[in-house]
Amino acid sequence: MNRNTRINALLLLVVAALAVLPLALGLGDHKEEPFAGADAEAETA
């Protein structure tokens, strides 16, 4: 592989890790959704 291909693969791995790590570690599960959407608005109505 040439240098650019290795850099692209490394960047892809970093982005994938940043996307998956919070889900894997369960971070943010205890927080409320900031934008509840139509479901919560319908429940409160």
PDB file of N, CA and C in Angstrom:
ATOM      1  N   MET A   1       0.848  -1.197   0.000  1.00  0.00           N
ATOM      2  CA  MET A   1       0.000   0.000   0.000  1.00  0.00           C
ATOM      3  C   MET A   1       0.881   1.243   0.000  1.00  0.00           C
ATOM      4  N   ASN A   2       0.429   2.251  -0.715  1.00  0.00           N
ATOM      5  CA  ASN A   2       1.206   3.477  -0.674  1.00  0.00           C
ATOM      6  C   ASN A   2       0.811   4.311   0.542  1.00  0.00           C
ATOM      7  N   ARG A   3       1.483   5.407   0.704  1.00  0.00           N
ATOM      8  CA  ARG A   3       1.324   6.209   1.927  1.00  0.00           C
ATOM      9  C   ARG A   3      -0.088   6.779   2.059  1.00  0.00           C
ATOM     10  N   ASN A   4      -0.652   7.274   0.964  1.00  0.00           N
ATOM     11  CA  ASN A   4      -1.992   7.872   1.025  1.00  0.00           C
ATOM     12  C   ASN A   4      -3.052   6.847   1.396  1.00  0.00           C
ATOM     13  N   THR A   5      -2.910   5.648   0.906  1.00  0.00           N
ATOM     14  CA  THR A   5      -3.880   4.601   1.230  1.00  0.00           C
ATOM     15  C   THR A   5      -3.827   4.265   2.709  1.00  0.00           C
ATOM     16  N   ARG A   6      -2.621   4.208   3.263  1.00  0.00           N
ATOM     17  CA  ARG A   6      -2.483   3.912   4.695  1.00  0.00           C
ATOM     18  C   ARG A   6      -3.072   5.026   5.544  1.00  0.00           C
ATOM     19  N   ILE A   7      -2.860   6.276   5.140  1.00  0.00           N
ATOM     20  CA  ILE A   7      -3.407   7.412   5.891  1.00  0.00           C
ATOM     21  C   ILE A   7      -4.931   7.391   5.831  1.00  0.00           C
ATOM     22  N   ASN A   8      -5.488   7.118   4.664  1.00  0.00           N
ATOM     23  CA  ASN A   8      -6.945   7.048   4.532  1.00  0.00           C
ATOM     24  C   ASN A   8      -7.526   5.929   5.384  1.00  0.00           C
ATOM     25  N   ALA A   9      -6.875   4.786   5.404  1.00  0.00           N
ATOM     26  CA  ALA A   9      -7.359   3.666   6.208  1.00  0.00           C
ATOM     27  C   ALA A   9      -7.285   4.007   7.689  1.00  0.00           C
ATOM     28  N   LEU A  10      -6.223   4.671   8.100  1.00  0.00           N
ATOM     29  CA  LEU A  10      -6.079   5.063   9.500  1.00  0.00           C
ATOM     30  C   LEU A  10      -7.160   6.060   9.895  1.00  0.00           C
ATOM     31  N   LEU A  11      -7.426   7.041   9.039  1.00  0.00           N
ATOM     32  CA  LEU A  11      -8.482   8.009   9.325  1.00  0.00           C
ATOM     33  C   LEU A  11      -9.850   7.336   9.401  1.00  0.00           C
ATOM     34  N   LEU A  12     -10.092   6.384   8.526  1.00  0.00           N
ATOM     35  CA  LEU A  12     -11.355   5.647   8.558  1.00  0.00           C
ATOM     36  C   LEU A  12     -11.505   4.881   9.866  1.00  0.00           C
ATOM     37  N   LEU A  13     -10.432   4.247  10.321  1.00  0.00           N
ATOM     38  CA  LEU A  13     -10.479   3.518  11.589  1.00  0.00           C
ATOM     39  C   LEU A  13     -10.727   4.454  12.758  1.00  0.00           C
ATOM     40  N   VAL A  14     -10.111   5.629  12.738  1.00  0.00           N
ATOM     41  CA  VAL A  14     -10.303   6.595  13.824  1.00  0.00           C
ATOM     42  C   VAL A  14     -11.751   7.065  13.861  1.00  0.00           C
ATOM     43  N   VAL A  15     -12.314   7.375  12.713  1.00  0.00           N
ATOM     44  CA  VAL A  15     -13.706   7.837  12.664  1.00  0.00           C
ATOM     45  C   VAL A  15     -14.654   6.730  13.117  1.00  0.00           C
ATOM     46  N   ALA A  16     -14.401   5.508  12.691  1.00  0.00           N
ATOM     47  CA  ALA A  16     -15.249   4.387  13.104  1.00  0.00           C
ATOM     48  C   ALA A  16     -15.148   4.167  14.608  1.00  0.00           C
ATOM     49  N   ALA A  17     -13.940   4.285  15.159  1.00  0.00           N
ATOM     50  CA  ALA A  17     -13.775   4.109  16.603  1.00  0.00           C
ATOM     51  C   ALA A  17     -14.501   5.206  17.368  1.00  0.00           C
ATOM     52  N   LEU A  18     -14.429   6.436  16.888  1.00  0.00           N
ATOM     53  CA  LEU A  18     -15.134   7.531  17.557  1.00  0.00           C
ATOM     54  C   LEU A  18     -16.645   7.340  17.495  1.00  0.00           C
ATOM     55  N   ALA A  19     -17.139   6.719  16.451  1.00  0.00           N
ATOM     56  CA  ALA A  19     -18.577   6.490  16.334  1.00  0.00           C
ATOM     57  C   ALA A  19     -19.039   5.345  17.229  1.00  0.00           C
ATOM     58  N   VAL A  20     -18.204   4.322  17.398  1.00  0.00           N
ATOM     59  CA  VAL A  20     -18.626   3.110  18.100  1.00  0.00           C
ATOM     60  C   VAL A  20     -18.324   3.159  19.591  1.00  0.00           C
ATOM     61  N   LEU A  21     -17.249   3.825  19.994  1.00  0.00           N
ATOM     62  CA  LEU A  21     -16.840   3.799  21.404  1.00  0.00           C
ATOM     63  C   LEU A  21     -17.919   4.275  22.374  1.00  0.00           C
ATOM     64  N   PRO A  22     -18.578   5.405  22.149  1.00  0.00           N
ATOM     65  CA  PRO A  22     -19.618   5.808  23.110  1.00  0.00           C
ATOM     66  C   PRO A  22     -20.744   4.784  23.220  1.00  0.00           C
ATOM     67  N   LEU A  23     -21.082   4.142  22.113  1.00  0.00           N
ATOM     68  CA  LEU A  23     -22.124   3.112  22.158  1.00  0.00           C
ATOM     69  C   LEU A  23     -21.639   1.890  22.918  1.00  0.00           C
ATOM     70  N   ALA A  24     -20.391   1.504  22.691  1.00  0.00           N
ATOM     71  CA  ALA A  24     -19.853   0.312  23.337  1.00  0.00           C
ATOM     72  C   ALA A  24     -19.675   0.530  24.833  1.00  0.00           C
ATOM     73  N   LEU A  25     -19.308   1.735  25.226  1.00  0.00           N
ATOM     74  CA  LEU A  25     -19.069   2.016  26.645  1.00  0.00           C
ATOM     75  C   LEU A  25     -20.334   2.450  27.369  1.00  0.00           C
ATOM     76  N   GLY A  26     -21.421   2.675  26.638  1.00  0.00           N
ATOM     77  CA  GLY A  26     -22.678   3.065  27.264  1.00  0.00           C
ATOM     78  C   GLY A  26     -22.681   4.493  27.757  1.00  0.00           C
ATOM     79  N   LEU A  27     -21.871   5.336  27.161  1.00  0.00           N
ATOM     80  CA  LEU A  27     -21.815   6.733  27.592  1.00  0.00           C
ATOM     81  C   LEU A  27     -23.054   7.461  27.098  1.00  0.00           C
ATOM     82  N   GLY A  28     -23.628   8.282  27.947  1.00  0.00           N
ATOM     83  CA  GLY A  28     -24.781   9.071  27.558  1.00  0.00           C
ATOM     84  C   GLY A  28     -26.107   8.374  27.760  1.00  0.00           C
ATOM     85  N   ASP A  29     -26.094   7.168  28.291  1.00  0.00           N
ATOM     86  CA  ASP A  29     -27.359   6.462  28.503  1.00  0.00           C
ATOM     87  C   ASP A  29     -28.201   7.100  29.593  1.00  0.00           C
ATOM     88  N   HIS A  30     -27.542   7.750  30.541  1.00  0.00           N
ATOM     89  CA  HIS A  30     -28.269   8.309  31.677  1.00  0.00           C
ATOM     90  C   HIS A  30     -28.848   9.686  31.384  1.00  0.00           C
ATOM     91  N   LYS A  31     -28.537  10.241  30.218  1.00  0.00           N
ATOM     92  CA  LYS A  31     -28.991  11.594  29.901  1.00  0.00           C
ATOM     93  C   LYS A  31     -30.317  11.550  29.153  1.00  0.00           C
ATOM     94  N   GLU A  32     -31.099  12.624  29.337  1.00  0.00           N
ATOM     95  CA  GLU A  32     -32.327  12.763  28.557  1.00  0.00           C
ATOM     96  C   GLU A  32     -31.981  13.182  27.142  1.00  0.00           C
ATOM     97  N   GLU A  33     -32.876  12.861  26.218  1.00  0.00           N
ATOM     98  CA  GLU A  33     -32.664  13.320  24.857  1.00  0.00           C
ATOM     99  C   GLU A  33     -32.891  14.823  24.806  1.00  0.00           C
ATOM    100  N   PRO A  34     -31.962  15.577  24.202  1.00  0.00           N
ATOM    101  CA  PRO A  34     -32.156  17.032  24.139  1.00  0.00           C
ATOM    102  C   PRO A  34     -33.322  17.410  23.235  1.00  0.00           C
ATOM    103  N   PHE A  35     -33.563  16.629  22.186  1.00  0.00           N
ATOM    104  CA  PHE A  35     -34.664  16.901  21.276  1.00  0.00           C
ATOM    105  C   PHE A  35     -35.562  15.672  21.270  1.00  0.00           C
ATOM    106  N   ALA A  36     -36.601  15.724  22.063  1.00  0.00           N
ATOM    107  CA  ALA A  36     -37.438  14.542  22.246  1.00  0.00           C
ATOM    108  C   ALA A  36     -38.259  14.227  21.006  1.00  0.00           C
ATOM    109  N   GLY A  37     -38.626  15.231  20.237  1.00  0.00           N
ATOM    110  CA  GLY A  37     -39.361  14.982  19.008  1.00  0.00           C
ATOM    111  C   GLY A  37     -40.859  14.906  19.229  1.00  0.00           C
ATOM    112  N   ALA A  38     -41.553  14.408  18.237  1.00  0.00           N
ATOM    113  CA  ALA A  38     -43.014  14.411  18.242  1.00  0.00           C
ATOM    114  C   ALA A  38     -43.591  13.436  19.261  1.00  0.00           C
ATOM    115  N   ASP A  39     -42.897  12.349  19.546  1.00  0.00           N
ATOM    116  CA  ASP A  39     -43.429  11.360  20.486  1.00  0.00           C
ATOM    117  C   ASP A  39     -43.607  11.954  21.874  1.00  0.00           C
ATOM    118  N   ALA A  40     -42.599  12.645  22.356  1.00  0.00           N
ATOM    119  CA  ALA A  40     -42.686  13.230  23.692  1.00  0.00           C
ATOM    120  C   ALA A  40     -43.707  14.361  23.722  1.00  0.00           C
ATOM    121  N   GLU A  41     -43.798  15.116  22.639  1.00  0.00           N
ATOM    122  CA  GLU A  41     -44.789  16.190  22.594  1.00  0.00           C
ATOM    123  C   GLU A  41     -46.201  15.615  22.622  1.00  0.00           C
ATOM    124  N   ALA A  42     -46.414  14.489  21.972  1.00  0.00           N
ATOM    125  CA  ALA A  42     -47.732  13.861  21.972  1.00  0.00           C
ATOM    126  C   ALA A  42     -48.064  13.306  23.356  1.00  0.00           C
ATOM    127  N   GLU A  43     -47.050  12.800  24.059  1.00  0.00           N
ATOM    128  CA  GLU A  43     -47.293  12.259  25.395  1.00  0.00           C
ATOM    129  C   GLU A  43     -47.650  13.358  26.385  1.00  0.00           C
ATOM    130  N   THR A  44     -47.035  14.532  26.231  1.00  0.00           N
ATOM    131  CA  THR A  44     -47.304  15.612  27.179  1.00  0.00           C
ATOM    132  C   THR A  44     -48.619  16.317  26.865  1.00  0.00           C
ATOM    133  N   ALA A  45     -49.118  16.186  25.650  1.00  0.00           N
ATOM    134  CA  ALA A  45     -50.368  16.865  25.266  1.00  0.00           C
ATOM    135  C   ALA A  45     -51.579  16.154  25.840  1.00  0.00           C
TER     136      ALA A  45
END
